[in-house]
């Protein structure tokens, strides 16, 4: 049986980010809800064999390959 990890990664990312935001003192160091949702949506797509996470992260962070 093939295991899917995309949803688990997205959930783990959200938990870690929320804990980090709770302890962050400055607003600029917190991850916004919009950013969390965008990254979660990328992580959920990992199980798709046609999805290239690195390419999408480069695009998301506006980095040239």
Protein backbone atom coordinates (compact mmCIF):
# COMPACT_ATOMS: atom_id res chain seq x y z
CA UNK A 1 0.00 0.00 0.00
CA UNK A 2 1.32 3.41 -0.98
CA UNK A 3 1.46 5.99 1.80
CA UNK A 4 0.54 9.62 1.25
CA UNK A 5 2.60 12.17 3.15
CA UNK A 6 1.44 15.50 1.74
CA UNK A 7 -1.41 16.05 4.20
CA UNK A 8 0.76 14.96 7.14
CA UNK A 9 3.52 17.39 6.11
CA UNK A 10 1.02 20.23 5.79
CA UNK A 11 -0.46 19.48 9.22
CA UNK A 12 3.00 19.25 10.82
CA UNK A 13 4.04 22.52 9.17
CA UNK A 14 0.93 24.26 10.56
CA UNK A 15 1.55 22.94 14.10
CA UNK A 16 5.20 24.02 14.09
CA UNK A 17 4.38 27.42 12.62
CA UNK A 18 1.62 28.07 15.14
CA UNK A 19 3.95 27.21 18.05
CA UNK A 20 6.62 29.46 16.58
CA UNK A 21 4.15 32.32 16.16
CA UNK A 22 3.04 31.96 19.78
CA UNK A 23 6.58 32.47 21.05
CA UNK A 24 7.64 35.14 18.54
CA UNK A 25 7.87 38.55 20.13
CA UNK A 26 7.97 40.76 17.05
CA UNK A 27 5.16 40.80 14.50
CA UNK A 28 7.59 40.80 11.56
CA UNK A 29 9.03 37.46 12.67
CA UNK A 30 5.65 35.71 12.60
CA UNK A 31 4.39 33.71 9.64
CA UNK A 32 1.10 35.11 8.36
CA UNK A 33 -2.00 32.99 7.92
CA UNK A 34 -1.87 33.66 4.18
CA UNK A 35 1.72 32.40 3.97
CA UNK A 36 0.83 29.30 5.98
CA UNK A 37 -2.05 28.47 3.66
CA UNK A 38 0.07 28.92 0.53
CA UNK A 39 2.88 26.69 1.81
CA UNK A 40 0.40 24.11 3.11
CA UNK A 41 -1.19 23.91 -0.33
CA UNK A 42 2.24 23.22 -1.84
CA UNK A 43 2.95 20.49 0.72
CA UNK A 44 -0.39 18.80 0.07
CA UNK A 45 0.56 18.42 -3.61
CA UNK A 46 3.72 16.40 -2.84
CA UNK A 47 1.98 13.07 -3.44
CA UNK A 48 1.30 14.03 -7.07
CA UNK A 49 4.11 12.44 -9.16
CA UNK A 50 4.04 15.39 -11.59
CA UNK A 51 4.57 17.94 -8.82
CA UNK A 52 8.09 19.36 -8.40
CA UNK A 53 8.37 20.78 -4.88
CA UNK A 54 11.73 22.45 -5.41
CA UNK A 55 10.55 24.19 -8.57
CA UNK A 56 7.41 25.43 -6.79
CA UNK A 57 9.41 26.66 -3.78
CA UNK A 58 11.76 28.57 -6.06
CA UNK A 59 8.70 30.14 -7.68
CA UNK A 60 7.03 30.89 -4.33
CA UNK A 61 10.13 32.58 -2.90
CA UNK A 62 10.85 34.30 -6.24
CA UNK A 63 14.31 32.73 -6.59
CA UNK A 64 15.87 32.12 -9.98
CA UNK A 65 17.14 28.59 -10.56
